[in-house]
Amino acid sequence: MEKELACEQRTRQAGEGEGRHELDRDAETGLGVVDIQRIEKVYRKLDFRIIPAFWTLYFLCSAIRSNVGLAQTMNLAQGHDLASELNITPKEISLGLALFYVCYVIFDLPSNLVMTRLSPRVWMSRIVIAVGIIGSCMAAMKAAWSFYLLRLLLGIVIAGMWPGMAYYLTLFYPPSRTGKRIGQYFTAAQVSAAVVSLVSAGFQKMDGLQGLVGFQWMFLLYGLVTICLGIGLLWWLPDRPLPPGETPERTGLDKWIPQSRPALTGEDALIHYEDLTRVYRRPRWTLKDLWHVVTDWRVWPLFVMYFGVVGVGIGVQNYATVIIRGTNPDLTSIQLSLLAAPIWIMDLIAILLVTPFSDRFHRHRALFFSVPVCIQIVGLLMTTYAGSIANPWPRYGGLLLIGFGLGPTVPITMTWTNEIFQPRHGEVGVAAASALVSGLGNLGSILTTYALFAGWPTDARQGRKQYRNSTLVMVGILCLSILSAATMTVLLRHFGNGPNAKQISSGSSTSEGEVGMVDGAAKRELQERGFGRLWWSRR
C-alpha cells in the first residue's frame, strides 16, 4: 500500500508540469500508459448513454408517485379534488400515502437482489412499465378501497427502482464518482415536482373534458407516457458490462427480449475493463454473503441519515400545497400549484452545486451531508414561527430553504453507501445495503405521510399553530440524521473500512473476486481530487 501511495504521489507531481497529464498504467490488457483524460472521456461516453435515460424514467416515476399530493388541491373550488371525488377524508388520504411506503419498505431489498441475478436493464424496464400501468389505472379510482389498492400495488412495483439505479451505476463507475451522477438524475425528481406543479394548472383547465376531472387526466397521461418509456428502455439502457471479447449468452426468455448496444466498444471497452476490473469479476453471491451485509453495523447509521432526510423530503413533497394553503387560505388551487414549483427549483440548484464537490472531497461526505440538513432545520423553524397573519410570506421563504437543504442529502447518502459497501462486500454489498438504507429509510416517509400533517388531526386545525407539531417532529429526526453522520465518521476512523475479515476467513464467494480488488480506479480513490482539473485550474 505504501508503494502504491508513493507511486500515486510521483504521478501527481509529474502531472503538475505544463503539457503533462496524470497517468494510469494498465496492469492486465497491455494498453501501456493510459492518459487520465482518456479515462475521463470513457466515463463521459457512459454519461451520455445512462444519465439521460435515468433522468427521464425518474422524472416520470416521481410524477406518478407524488401526483396524489397535487390531486388534493386540484379543482378544489369545483369540488373535483381527490377527497371530494373519492369521498374520503384527509386521514384516509394519509393512510393511502403511507400504504405505498409500507410495500416499498418490504419489497425494496428483494427487488434489488433479483436485479443482481437477472439483467439490470430488463428489470429496470419492468419497473417503469409496471409503474406506468398502475399510474394510468389511478385515473379510474372511485372509492377509498381502489385508492388503497392502487397505492399498495404502486409501492410493490416501484420497489427497487431508486436503490437499483444506485447499484446500476456501480457497474459502470467507481463509487467515489457516483455522487455527482446520482445527483444529476435525482434532479429529475425536483424538476418533476416543479413541472408537475406547473402543468397541473393546465390539467385543471381540462376539468370535465370527456367526463374526467383534472387529476384523472393527469394520472392517465403520465401513466401512458411512462409505459412507452419503459418499453423504449429495452433498447436504450446498456446491460451490465462484459470483459472485452466476451458476448452475452441469450437463453430462455432472453431470446425474445430486444438486445441493446454494448455500453462501450473497442479501445474504450479495454480502458474501462482496466480501470474498473472489479465489476467484471462477478462471483455468484450466497446467503452467507447477504448475511454479512445485513449484519454490518455500517448500514444502520446510513439508515438513520436517510430516514430523516427522505421523511422530510416526502412530507414536503406530498403536503407542500397543503402547507402553503395553511399559511394563506385565500390562495386559489392554481396559485398553490404555481407556488409549489420554486421549492423544487431550489432543491435542484443545491444538487447541482453540492454533489460534484462531495465527489471531489469524498473523504468528507458527512460534512457535505450535515450542512444542508442544518439549512433544512432553519427552514422548518421559519415555516413554523416566522411571519404573521398579516404577512405569512416569511413562512413560505422557510419552505424554499427546506427545498435547498433537501437537494444534496439523498444522493450523498446513497453515494456514501456505495463507497462503504463495495470495497467490503462487492456487488451484493452495494445491492443489499442500498436497498436496506433506501427501504428502511422510507419508514421516515410513513411517519411524515401518515402520522404528521393531515394525519395528525389536532395538528391540522386551522390557525396560527397549524402543523407546528409536525414540523417540530421533522426537526427532531433531522437532528438524528446529523448525529448519525457524525457517528459514522468517528466509527469509520476508528474501525476502518477494509474488506470484511469474516467474509474472507469464511471463504465467501465474493472474497474470491470483487472484495479488495485494486484496479486503476481503486488506486485513484486513495486520494481526493479536490479542486484539481476544474475549469479554472486547467492549462
Protein backbone atom coordinates (compact mmCIF):
# COMPACT_ATOMS: atom_id res chain seq x y z
CA MET A 1 0.00 0.00 0.00
CA GLU A 2 2.85 2.44 0.82
CA LYS A 3 4.44 1.73 -2.58
CA GLU A 4 1.12 2.45 -4.32
CA LEU A 5 0.73 5.73 -2.44
CA ALA A 6 4.26 6.75 -3.33
CA CYS A 7 3.64 5.89 -6.97
CA GLU A 8 0.45 7.95 -6.96
CA GLN A 9 2.30 10.91 -5.43
CA ARG A 10 5.02 10.78 -8.09
CA THR A 11 2.36 10.58 -10.80
CA ARG A 12 0.59 13.67 -9.49
CA GLN A 13 3.85 15.59 -9.22
CA ALA A 14 4.71 14.66 -12.80
CA GLY A 15 1.33 15.96 -13.92
CA GLU A 16 2.00 19.42 -12.48
CA GLY A 17 4.41 20.32 -15.27
CA GLU A 18 2.98 22.11 -18.28
CA GLY A 19 1.84 19.84 -21.09
CA ARG A 20 1.79 16.72 -18.88
CA HIS A 21 -1.16 14.65 -17.68
CA GLU A 22 -1.92 12.30 -14.82
CA LEU A 23 -1.26 8.73 -15.98
CA ASP A 24 -2.54 5.33 -15.06
CA ARG A 25 -0.68 2.14 -16.03
CA ASP A 26 -2.50 -0.86 -17.43
CA ALA A 27 -1.95 -3.99 -15.38
CA GLU A 28 -3.75 -6.58 -17.49
CA THR A 29 -4.77 -5.59 -21.01
CA GLY A 30 -1.44 -4.43 -22.34
CA LEU A 31 -2.57 -0.93 -23.27
CA GLY A 32 0.55 0.55 -21.67
CA VAL A 33 0.14 4.02 -20.22
CA VAL A 34 -3.38 5.45 -20.33
CA ASP A 35 -3.90 9.20 -20.07
CA ILE A 36 -6.32 10.09 -17.28
CA GLN A 37 -8.06 12.41 -19.72
CA ARG A 38 -8.68 9.40 -21.95
CA ILE A 39 -10.25 7.57 -18.99
CA GLU A 40 -12.44 10.59 -18.25
CA LYS A 41 -13.58 10.57 -21.86
CA VAL A 42 -14.75 6.96 -21.48
CA TYR A 43 -16.83 7.85 -18.42
CA ARG A 44 -18.34 10.82 -20.25
CA LYS A 45 -19.44 8.44 -23.03
CA LEU A 46 -21.17 6.34 -20.39
CA ASP A 47 -22.81 9.50 -19.03
CA PHE A 48 -24.46 10.24 -22.37
CA ARG A 49 -25.78 6.69 -22.55
CA ILE A 50 -27.02 6.22 -18.97
CA ILE A 51 -27.82 9.52 -17.26
CA PRO A 52 -30.45 10.86 -19.74
CA ALA A 53 -32.31 7.52 -19.56
CA PHE A 54 -32.24 7.52 -15.76
CA TRP A 55 -33.27 11.16 -15.63
CA THR A 56 -36.28 10.58 -17.86
CA LEU A 57 -37.52 7.46 -16.09
CA TYR A 58 -37.08 9.04 -12.66
CA PHE A 59 -38.92 12.18 -13.80
CA LEU A 60 -42.00 10.23 -14.85
CA CYS A 61 -42.00 7.73 -11.98
CA SER A 62 -41.59 10.57 -9.46
CA ALA A 63 -44.53 12.38 -11.06
CA ILE A 64 -46.79 9.34 -10.78
CA ARG A 65 -45.69 8.66 -7.21
CA SER A 66 -46.25 12.21 -5.96
CA ASN A 67 -49.24 13.37 -8.03
CA VAL A 68 -51.56 12.44 -5.16
CA GLY A 69 -50.22 15.45 -3.28
CA LEU A 70 -51.32 17.80 -6.06
CA ALA A 71 -54.62 16.00 -6.57
CA GLN A 72 -55.65 17.05 -3.06
CA THR A 73 -55.97 20.69 -4.09
CA MET A 74 -56.70 20.49 -7.84
CA ASN A 75 -60.10 21.99 -8.83
CA LEU A 76 -60.91 22.45 -5.16
CA ALA A 77 -63.44 25.22 -5.79
CA GLN A 78 -65.41 22.98 -8.17
CA GLY A 79 -65.42 20.09 -5.68
CA HIS A 80 -63.35 17.95 -8.06
CA ASP A 81 -60.34 17.41 -5.81
CA LEU A 82 -59.22 13.91 -4.79
CA ALA A 83 -61.04 13.85 -1.44
CA SER A 84 -64.33 15.06 -2.90
CA GLU A 85 -64.29 12.70 -5.89
CA LEU A 86 -63.45 9.62 -3.81
CA ASN A 87 -65.48 10.78 -0.79
CA ILE A 88 -62.56 10.22 1.57
CA THR A 89 -61.13 12.21 4.48
CA PRO A 90 -57.62 13.70 4.82
CA LYS A 91 -56.83 10.91 7.30
CA GLU A 92 -57.75 8.29 4.69
CA ILE A 93 -55.56 10.04 2.12
CA SER A 94 -52.67 9.90 4.60
CA LEU A 95 -53.29 6.18 5.06
CA GLY A 96 -53.19 5.63 1.29
CA LEU A 97 -49.93 7.57 1.02
CA ALA A 98 -48.42 5.53 3.83
CA LEU A 99 -49.51 2.17 2.32
CA PHE A 100 -47.30 2.90 -0.68
CA TYR A 101 -44.23 3.18 1.54
CA VAL A 102 -45.11 0.06 3.55
CA CYS A 103 -44.85 -2.00 0.37
CA TYR A 104 -41.81 -0.04 -0.72
CA VAL A 105 -40.01 -0.92 2.53
CA ILE A 106 -40.92 -4.61 2.31
CA PHE A 107 -40.06 -5.20 -1.36
CA ASP A 108 -37.05 -2.90 -1.85
CA LEU A 109 -34.42 -5.48 -0.84
CA PRO A 110 -35.90 -8.49 -2.73
CA SER A 111 -36.27 -6.39 -5.89
CA ASN A 112 -32.66 -5.23 -5.78
CA LEU A 113 -31.36 -8.74 -5.16
CA VAL A 114 -33.33 -10.02 -8.16
CA MET A 115 -31.68 -7.32 -10.26
CA THR A 116 -28.23 -8.71 -9.43
CA ARG A 117 -29.23 -12.15 -10.74
CA LEU A 118 -31.12 -11.01 -13.86
CA SER A 119 -30.46 -8.37 -16.48
CA PRO A 120 -30.44 -4.94 -14.72
CA ARG A 121 -31.65 -3.34 -17.96
CA VAL A 122 -34.66 -5.64 -18.28
CA TRP A 123 -35.53 -5.39 -14.59
CA MET A 124 -35.43 -1.59 -14.69
CA SER A 125 -37.66 -1.61 -17.78
CA ARG A 126 -40.08 -3.93 -15.98
CA ILE A 127 -40.31 -1.49 -13.07
CA VAL A 128 -41.03 1.50 -15.29
CA ILE A 129 -43.68 -0.28 -17.40
CA ALA A 130 -45.47 -1.51 -14.27
CA VAL A 131 -45.40 1.97 -12.70
CA GLY A 132 -46.96 3.39 -15.88
CA ILE A 133 -49.75 0.79 -15.85
CA ILE A 134 -50.62 1.43 -12.20
CA GLY A 135 -50.38 5.19 -12.74
CA SER A 136 -52.88 5.02 -15.61
CA CYS A 137 -55.26 2.91 -13.53
CA MET A 138 -55.31 5.62 -10.85
CA ALA A 139 -57.44 7.69 -13.23
CA ALA A 140 -60.23 5.15 -12.60
CA MET A 141 -60.28 5.44 -8.80
CA LYS A 142 -63.82 5.84 -7.46
CA ALA A 143 -63.62 5.00 -3.75
CA ALA A 144 -61.25 4.58 -0.84
CA TRP A 145 -60.67 0.86 -1.49
CA SER A 146 -59.44 1.45 -5.04
CA PHE A 147 -57.16 4.23 -3.80
CA TYR A 148 -55.66 1.92 -1.15
CA LEU A 149 -55.27 -0.98 -3.59
CA LEU A 150 -53.51 1.04 -6.28
CA ARG A 151 -51.17 2.71 -3.78
CA LEU A 152 -50.25 -0.74 -2.46
CA LEU A 153 -49.59 -2.04 -5.97
CA LEU A 154 -47.59 1.05 -6.87
CA GLY A 155 -45.36 0.51 -3.84
CA ILE A 156 -44.78 -3.12 -4.85
CA VAL A 157 -43.88 -2.47 -8.49
CA ILE A 158 -41.72 0.62 -7.91
CA ALA A 159 -39.75 -1.01 -5.07
CA GLY A 160 -36.11 -1.40 -6.02
CA MET A 161 -36.09 1.41 -8.58
CA TRP A 162 -34.16 4.01 -6.56
CA PRO A 163 -31.58 1.65 -4.93
CA GLY A 164 -31.46 -0.28 -8.21
CA MET A 165 -30.35 2.85 -10.04
CA ALA A 166 -27.57 3.40 -7.48
CA TYR A 167 -26.50 -0.24 -7.84
CA TYR A 168 -26.61 0.01 -11.65
CA LEU A 169 -24.21 2.97 -11.59
CA THR A 170 -21.59 0.96 -9.69
CA LEU A 171 -21.48 -1.46 -12.64
CA PHE A 172 -20.03 1.35 -14.76
CA TYR A 173 -18.43 3.91 -12.39
CA PRO A 174 -16.14 3.90 -9.34
CA PRO A 175 -18.22 4.53 -6.18
CA SER A 176 -16.41 7.80 -5.42
CA ARG A 177 -17.69 9.20 -8.73
CA THR A 178 -21.33 8.21 -8.38
CA GLY A 179 -22.40 11.13 -6.17
CA LYS A 180 -22.47 13.71 -8.95
CA ARG A 181 -24.24 11.27 -11.27
CA ILE A 182 -26.84 10.25 -8.70
CA GLY A 183 -27.38 13.96 -8.13
CA GLN A 184 -27.79 14.55 -11.86
CA TYR A 185 -30.64 12.12 -12.32
CA PHE A 186 -32.04 12.90 -8.86
CA THR A 187 -32.70 16.42 -10.19
CA ALA A 188 -35.45 14.76 -12.22
CA ALA A 189 -37.50 14.44 -9.02
CA GLN A 190 -37.09 18.17 -8.36
CA VAL A 191 -37.81 19.17 -11.95
CA SER A 192 -40.74 16.75 -11.89
CA ALA A 193 -42.16 18.33 -8.73
CA ALA A 194 -41.77 21.81 -10.21
CA VAL A 195 -43.01 20.96 -13.71
CA VAL A 196 -45.87 18.78 -12.47
CA SER A 197 -46.96 21.62 -10.20
CA LEU A 198 -46.96 24.00 -13.16
CA VAL A 199 -48.54 21.55 -15.60
CA SER A 200 -51.24 20.68 -13.08
CA ALA A 201 -52.58 24.17 -13.65
CA GLY A 202 -53.20 23.10 -17.27
CA PHE A 203 -54.81 19.82 -16.23
CA GLN A 204 -57.18 21.80 -14.03
CA LYS A 205 -58.31 23.63 -17.18
CA MET A 206 -59.18 20.20 -18.66
CA ASP A 207 -61.58 19.54 -15.79
CA GLY A 208 -64.78 17.98 -17.16
CA LEU A 209 -63.34 17.13 -20.58
CA GLN A 210 -64.66 13.74 -21.78
CA GLY A 211 -66.20 13.24 -18.34
CA LEU A 212 -62.86 13.20 -16.50
CA VAL A 213 -61.83 15.65 -13.79
CA GLY A 214 -58.44 17.39 -13.85
CA PHE A 215 -56.46 14.96 -11.69
CA GLN A 216 -57.78 11.96 -13.66
CA TRP A 217 -56.36 13.41 -16.88
CA MET A 218 -53.08 13.93 -15.03
CA PHE A 219 -52.80 10.32 -13.87
CA LEU A 220 -53.88 8.90 -17.24
CA LEU A 221 -51.49 10.83 -19.48
CA TYR A 222 -48.45 10.47 -17.22
CA GLY A 223 -49.11 6.74 -16.99
CA LEU A 224 -49.34 6.22 -20.75
CA VAL A 225 -46.12 8.16 -21.42
CA THR A 226 -44.33 6.13 -18.72
CA ILE A 227 -45.39 2.83 -20.31
CA CYS A 228 -43.93 3.94 -23.64
CA LEU A 229 -40.68 4.95 -21.94
CA GLY A 230 -40.38 1.61 -20.14
CA ILE A 231 -40.61 -0.25 -23.44
CA GLY A 232 -38.03 2.07 -25.01
CA LEU A 233 -35.55 1.40 -22.20
CA LEU A 234 -35.07 -2.14 -23.52
CA TRP A 235 -33.19 -0.59 -26.46
CA TRP A 236 -31.82 2.49 -24.66
CA LEU A 237 -30.09 1.24 -21.50
CA PRO A 238 -26.92 -0.88 -21.79
CA ASP A 239 -26.73 -4.16 -19.92
CA ARG A 240 -24.01 -4.99 -17.40
CA PRO A 241 -20.52 -4.71 -18.94
CA LEU A 242 -18.73 -7.85 -20.08
CA PRO A 243 -14.96 -8.40 -20.42
CA PRO A 244 -13.63 -7.35 -23.87
CA GLY A 245 -14.27 -10.06 -26.46
CA GLU A 246 -16.98 -11.81 -24.42
CA THR A 247 -20.55 -11.94 -25.77
CA PRO A 248 -23.71 -12.33 -23.66
CA GLU A 249 -25.47 -15.68 -23.56
CA ARG A 250 -29.08 -15.48 -24.70
CA THR A 251 -31.09 -18.36 -23.29
CA GLY A 252 -34.70 -18.90 -22.33
CA LEU A 253 -36.78 -15.73 -22.35
CA ASP A 254 -33.70 -13.64 -23.16
CA LYS A 255 -34.02 -14.74 -26.77
CA TRP A 256 -37.32 -12.87 -27.05
CA ILE A 257 -36.18 -9.64 -25.38
CA PRO A 258 -34.63 -6.90 -27.55
CA GLN A 259 -30.86 -6.62 -27.17
CA SER A 260 -29.32 -3.19 -26.54
CA ARG A 261 -26.00 -1.97 -27.87
CA PRO A 262 -22.95 -2.51 -25.61
CA ALA A 263 -22.12 0.49 -23.43
CA LEU A 264 -18.56 0.62 -24.81
CA THR A 265 -16.67 -0.97 -27.67
CA GLY A 266 -13.10 -1.22 -28.93
CA GLU A 267 -10.40 0.62 -27.01
CA ASP A 268 -12.98 2.29 -24.78
CA ALA A 269 -14.09 -1.11 -23.52
CA LEU A 270 -10.47 -2.14 -22.84
CA ILE A 271 -9.78 1.06 -20.90
CA HIS A 272 -12.93 0.62 -18.81
CA TYR A 273 -12.03 -3.01 -18.12
CA GLU A 274 -8.61 -1.97 -16.84
CA ASP A 275 -9.92 0.92 -14.78
CA LEU A 276 -12.84 -0.90 -13.14
CA THR A 277 -11.81 -4.56 -13.25
CA ARG A 278 -13.69 -5.32 -10.02
CA VAL A 279 -17.12 -5.14 -11.69
CA TYR A 280 -16.14 -7.70 -14.35
CA ARG A 281 -15.19 -10.32 -11.76
CA ARG A 282 -18.65 -11.16 -10.52
CA PRO A 283 -18.80 -14.34 -8.43
CA ARG A 284 -22.29 -15.57 -7.60
CA TRP A 285 -23.21 -14.36 -4.12
CA THR A 286 -24.67 -16.66 -1.47
CA LEU A 287 -26.98 -16.23 1.51
CA LYS A 288 -23.87 -16.11 3.68
CA ASP A 289 -22.64 -13.09 1.72
CA LEU A 290 -26.03 -11.42 2.15
CA TRP A 291 -25.97 -12.11 5.88
CA HIS A 292 -22.58 -10.42 6.19
CA VAL A 293 -24.04 -7.30 4.59
CA VAL A 294 -27.20 -7.23 6.71
CA THR A 295 -25.24 -7.64 9.94
CA ASP A 296 -22.64 -4.98 9.08
CA TRP A 297 -23.09 -2.15 11.60
CA ARG A 298 -22.31 0.42 8.90
CA VAL A 299 -25.82 0.00 7.46
CA TRP A 300 -27.57 1.47 10.47
CA PRO A 301 -26.08 5.00 10.71
CA LEU A 302 -26.75 5.34 6.97
CA PHE A 303 -30.32 4.18 7.53
CA VAL A 304 -30.92 6.85 10.20
CA MET A 305 -29.40 9.53 7.95
CA TYR A 306 -31.72 8.52 5.13
CA PHE A 307 -34.72 8.16 7.46
CA GLY A 308 -34.54 11.82 8.43
CA VAL A 309 -33.93 13.47 5.08
CA VAL A 310 -36.25 11.31 2.98
CA GLY A 311 -39.01 11.63 5.58
CA VAL A 312 -38.82 15.42 5.42
CA GLY A 313 -38.50 15.36 1.63
CA ILE A 314 -41.55 13.17 1.06
CA GLY A 315 -43.54 15.06 3.68
CA VAL A 316 -42.87 18.37 1.95
CA GLN A 317 -43.45 16.83 -1.48
CA ASN A 318 -46.85 15.40 -0.54
CA TYR A 319 -48.00 18.34 1.56
CA ALA A 320 -46.29 21.37 0.02
CA THR A 321 -49.53 22.80 -1.35
CA VAL A 322 -51.34 21.96 1.89
CA ILE A 323 -48.67 23.75 3.96
CA ILE A 324 -48.73 26.80 1.67
CA ARG A 325 -52.51 26.92 1.89
CA GLY A 326 -52.20 26.83 5.67
CA THR A 327 -50.04 29.97 5.57
CA ASN A 328 -52.52 31.79 3.30
CA PRO A 329 -56.04 30.29 2.97
CA ASP A 330 -57.01 32.89 0.34
CA LEU A 331 -54.81 31.34 -2.36
CA THR A 332 -56.56 29.56 -5.24
CA SER A 333 -55.72 25.98 -6.27
CA ILE A 334 -53.82 27.20 -9.35
CA GLN A 335 -51.81 29.68 -7.25
CA LEU A 336 -50.94 26.86 -4.84
CA SER A 337 -49.62 24.73 -7.68
CA LEU A 338 -47.51 27.59 -9.03
CA LEU A 339 -46.07 28.43 -5.60
CA ALA A 340 -45.02 24.81 -5.00
CA ALA A 341 -42.71 24.83 -8.05
CA PRO A 342 -39.93 27.16 -6.70
CA ILE A 343 -39.36 24.83 -3.72
CA TRP A 344 -38.08 22.15 -6.08
CA ILE A 345 -36.14 24.62 -8.20
CA MET A 346 -34.18 25.49 -5.05
CA ASP A 347 -33.71 21.76 -4.46
CA LEU A 348 -32.31 21.32 -7.98
CA ILE A 349 -29.88 24.23 -7.62
CA ALA A 350 -28.44 22.77 -4.41
CA ILE A 351 -27.94 19.34 -6.01
CA LEU A 352 -26.01 20.80 -8.94
CA LEU A 353 -23.88 22.95 -6.62
CA VAL A 354 -23.03 20.47 -3.87
CA THR A 355 -22.88 16.90 -5.25
CA PRO A 356 -19.92 17.48 -7.65
CA PHE A 357 -17.81 18.84 -4.80
CA SER A 358 -18.88 16.00 -2.50
CA ASP A 359 -17.29 13.64 -5.07
CA ARG A 360 -14.10 15.71 -5.30
CA PHE A 361 -13.80 15.73 -1.50
CA HIS A 362 -15.25 12.26 -0.98
CA ARG A 363 -13.49 11.80 2.37
CA HIS A 364 -15.80 14.49 3.80
CA ARG A 365 -19.23 13.13 2.91
CA ALA A 366 -20.54 13.76 6.44
CA LEU A 367 -19.81 17.49 6.16
CA PHE A 368 -21.47 17.81 2.76
CA PHE A 369 -24.49 15.98 4.22
CA SER A 370 -24.78 17.82 7.54
CA VAL A 371 -24.60 21.43 6.33
CA PRO A 372 -27.64 21.08 4.00
CA VAL A 373 -29.53 19.31 6.81
CA CYS A 374 -28.88 22.33 9.06
CA ILE A 375 -30.36 24.53 6.32
CA GLN A 376 -33.47 22.33 6.33
CA ILE A 377 -33.79 22.78 10.08
CA VAL A 378 -33.61 26.57 9.74
CA GLY A 379 -36.27 26.40 7.02
CA LEU A 380 -38.59 24.26 9.14
CA LEU A 381 -38.28 26.66 12.07
CA MET A 382 -39.07 29.59 9.77
CA THR A 383 -42.10 27.73 8.41
CA THR A 384 -43.23 27.16 11.99
CA TYR A 385 -42.59 30.51 13.66
CA ALA A 386 -41.78 33.21 11.08
CA GLY A 387 -44.14 35.82 9.67
CA SER A 388 -47.53 36.90 10.93
CA ILE A 389 -51.19 36.63 9.98
CA ALA A 390 -50.87 39.85 8.02
CA ASN A 391 -47.61 38.76 6.34
CA PRO A 392 -47.31 34.96 6.02
CA TRP A 393 -44.67 35.04 3.27
CA PRO A 394 -41.64 34.50 5.56
CA ARG A 395 -43.10 31.06 6.23
CA TYR A 396 -43.06 30.41 2.50
CA GLY A 397 -39.41 31.50 2.50
CA GLY A 398 -38.79 28.74 5.02
CA LEU A 399 -40.17 26.20 2.53
CA LEU A 400 -37.68 27.48 -0.07
CA LEU A 401 -34.84 26.91 2.40
CA ILE A 402 -36.12 23.40 3.10
CA GLY A 403 -36.05 22.70 -0.63
CA PHE A 404 -32.46 23.94 -0.93
CA GLY A 405 -31.32 21.86 2.02
CA LEU A 406 -33.05 18.71 0.83
CA GLY A 407 -31.32 18.60 -2.55
CA PRO A 408 -27.88 17.03 -1.92
CA THR A 409 -28.69 14.90 1.13
CA VAL A 410 -30.30 11.86 -0.51
CA PRO A 411 -27.69 11.48 -3.31
CA ILE A 412 -24.85 11.86 -0.81
CA THR A 413 -26.30 9.18 1.49
CA MET A 414 -26.65 6.71 -1.39
CA THR A 415 -23.15 7.50 -2.67
CA TRP A 416 -21.63 7.01 0.78
CA THR A 417 -23.40 3.64 0.92
CA ASN A 418 -21.80 2.63 -2.39
CA GLU A 419 -18.36 3.77 -1.23
CA ILE A 420 -18.52 1.86 2.02
CA PHE A 421 -20.05 -1.42 0.89
CA GLN A 422 -18.45 -2.10 -2.48
CA PRO A 423 -14.89 -2.43 -1.06
CA ARG A 424 -16.18 -4.54 1.85
CA HIS A 425 -18.76 -6.80 0.21
CA GLY A 426 -18.61 -6.37 -3.56
CA GLU A 427 -21.68 -6.29 -5.80
CA VAL A 428 -24.09 -7.87 -3.31
CA GLY A 429 -22.92 -5.33 -0.74
CA VAL A 430 -23.96 -2.41 -2.92
CA ALA A 431 -27.26 -4.01 -3.95
CA ALA A 432 -28.30 -5.10 -0.45
CA ALA A 433 -27.02 -2.10 1.50
CA SER A 434 -28.52 0.48 -0.85
CA ALA A 435 -31.87 -1.36 -0.70
CA LEU A 436 -31.76 -1.58 3.10
CA VAL A 437 -30.86 2.09 3.50
CA SER A 438 -33.48 3.18 0.97
CA GLY A 439 -36.18 0.75 2.04
CA LEU A 440 -35.91 1.05 5.81
CA GLY A 441 -35.17 4.75 5.46
CA ASN A 442 -38.58 5.19 3.89
CA LEU A 443 -40.08 4.42 7.29
CA GLY A 444 -39.49 8.16 7.63
CA SER A 445 -41.86 8.64 4.70
CA ILE A 446 -44.51 6.60 6.51
CA LEU A 447 -44.06 8.80 9.57
CA THR A 448 -44.45 12.08 7.70
CA THR A 449 -47.30 10.96 5.40
CA TYR A 450 -49.43 9.09 7.94
CA ALA A 451 -48.64 10.44 11.39
CA LEU A 452 -47.91 14.09 10.57
CA PHE A 453 -49.71 17.00 8.87
CA ALA A 454 -53.20 15.88 7.77
CA GLY A 455 -52.63 12.57 9.55
CA TRP A 456 -52.38 14.39 12.91
CA PRO A 457 -55.93 15.77 13.35
CA THR A 458 -55.23 18.12 16.27
CA ASP A 459 -52.15 19.49 14.47
CA ALA A 460 -54.13 20.12 11.28
CA ARG A 461 -56.61 22.50 12.89
CA GLN A 462 -56.85 25.89 11.22
CA GLY A 463 -54.94 28.72 12.84
CA ARG A 464 -51.52 30.14 13.51
CA LYS A 465 -50.27 26.90 15.09
CA GLN A 466 -51.40 24.66 12.23
CA TYR A 467 -48.80 21.92 11.52
CA ARG A 468 -46.44 23.32 14.19
CA ASN A 469 -46.01 19.98 15.97
CA SER A 470 -45.45 18.17 12.66
CA THR A 471 -42.62 20.47 11.62
CA LEU A 472 -41.00 20.20 15.06
CA VAL A 473 -41.05 16.40 14.78
CA MET A 474 -39.25 16.73 11.45
CA VAL A 475 -36.65 18.98 13.07
CA GLY A 476 -36.07 16.21 15.61
CA ILE A 477 -35.49 13.46 13.03
CA LEU A 478 -33.13 15.73 11.08
CA CYS A 479 -31.06 16.22 14.24
CA LEU A 480 -30.84 12.42 14.48
CA SER A 481 -29.58 12.35 10.87
CA ILE A 482 -26.77 14.79 11.67
CA LEU A 483 -25.83 12.79 14.77
CA SER A 484 -25.71 9.58 12.71
CA ALA A 485 -23.43 11.15 10.09
CA ALA A 486 -21.04 12.30 12.82
CA THR A 487 -21.16 8.86 14.46
CA MET A 488 -20.39 7.14 11.17
CA THR A 489 -17.36 9.38 10.59
CA VAL A 490 -15.94 8.69 14.05
CA LEU A 491 -16.51 4.93 13.84
CA LEU A 492 -15.00 4.65 10.35
CA ARG A 493 -11.86 6.41 11.54
CA HIS A 494 -11.65 4.01 14.48
CA PHE A 495 -12.57 0.70 12.79
CA GLY A 496 -11.68 1.47 9.17
CA ASN A 497 -13.48 0.18 6.09
CA GLY A 498 -11.33 -2.59 4.68
CA PRO A 499 -12.64 -5.89 3.24
CA ASN A 500 -14.79 -7.85 5.66
CA ALA A 501 -12.45 -10.12 7.65
CA LYS A 502 -15.24 -12.61 8.48
CA GLN A 503 -16.15 -12.84 4.82
CA ILE A 504 -12.57 -13.59 3.76
CA SER A 505 -11.87 -16.08 6.55
CA SER A 506 -15.09 -18.00 5.82
CA GLY A 507 -14.20 -18.47 2.15
CA SER A 508 -17.14 -16.36 1.00
CA SER A 509 -17.74 -16.27 -2.76
CA THR A 510 -17.28 -12.51 -3.02
CA SER A 511 -13.93 -12.70 -1.29
CA GLU A 512 -12.63 -14.58 -4.31
CA GLY A 513 -13.40 -11.78 -6.77
CA GLU A 514 -14.53 -8.25 -6.11
CA VAL A 515 -13.69 -7.53 -2.47
CA GLY A 516 -10.35 -5.80 -2.11
CA MET A 517 -9.79 -5.58 -5.88
CA VAL A 518 -7.12 -2.93 -6.62
CA ASP A 519 -7.81 -1.69 -10.15
CA GLY A 520 -6.97 1.65 -11.73
CA ALA A 521 -9.95 3.44 -10.18
CA ALA A 522 -9.25 1.96 -6.73
CA LYS A 523 -5.73 3.38 -6.79
CA ARG A 524 -7.01 6.84 -7.66
CA GLU A 525 -9.68 6.69 -4.97
CA LEU A 526 -6.96 6.61 -2.32
CA GLN A 527 -6.65 10.37 -2.78
CA GLU A 528 -9.25 13.13 -3.18
CA ARG A 529 -9.34 15.03 -6.45
CA GLY A 530 -10.01 18.31 -4.64
CA PHE A 531 -10.12 21.33 -6.94
CA GLY A 532 -7.79 19.74 -9.49
CA ARG A 533 -8.83 19.61 -13.15
CA LEU A 534 -11.69 22.08 -12.70
CA TRP A 535 -12.16 24.60 -15.50
CA TRP A 536 -10.27 27.36 -13.68
CA SER A 537 -7.29 25.06 -12.93
CA ARG A 538 -6.82 23.69 -16.45
CA ARG A 539 -3.92 24.99 -18.52
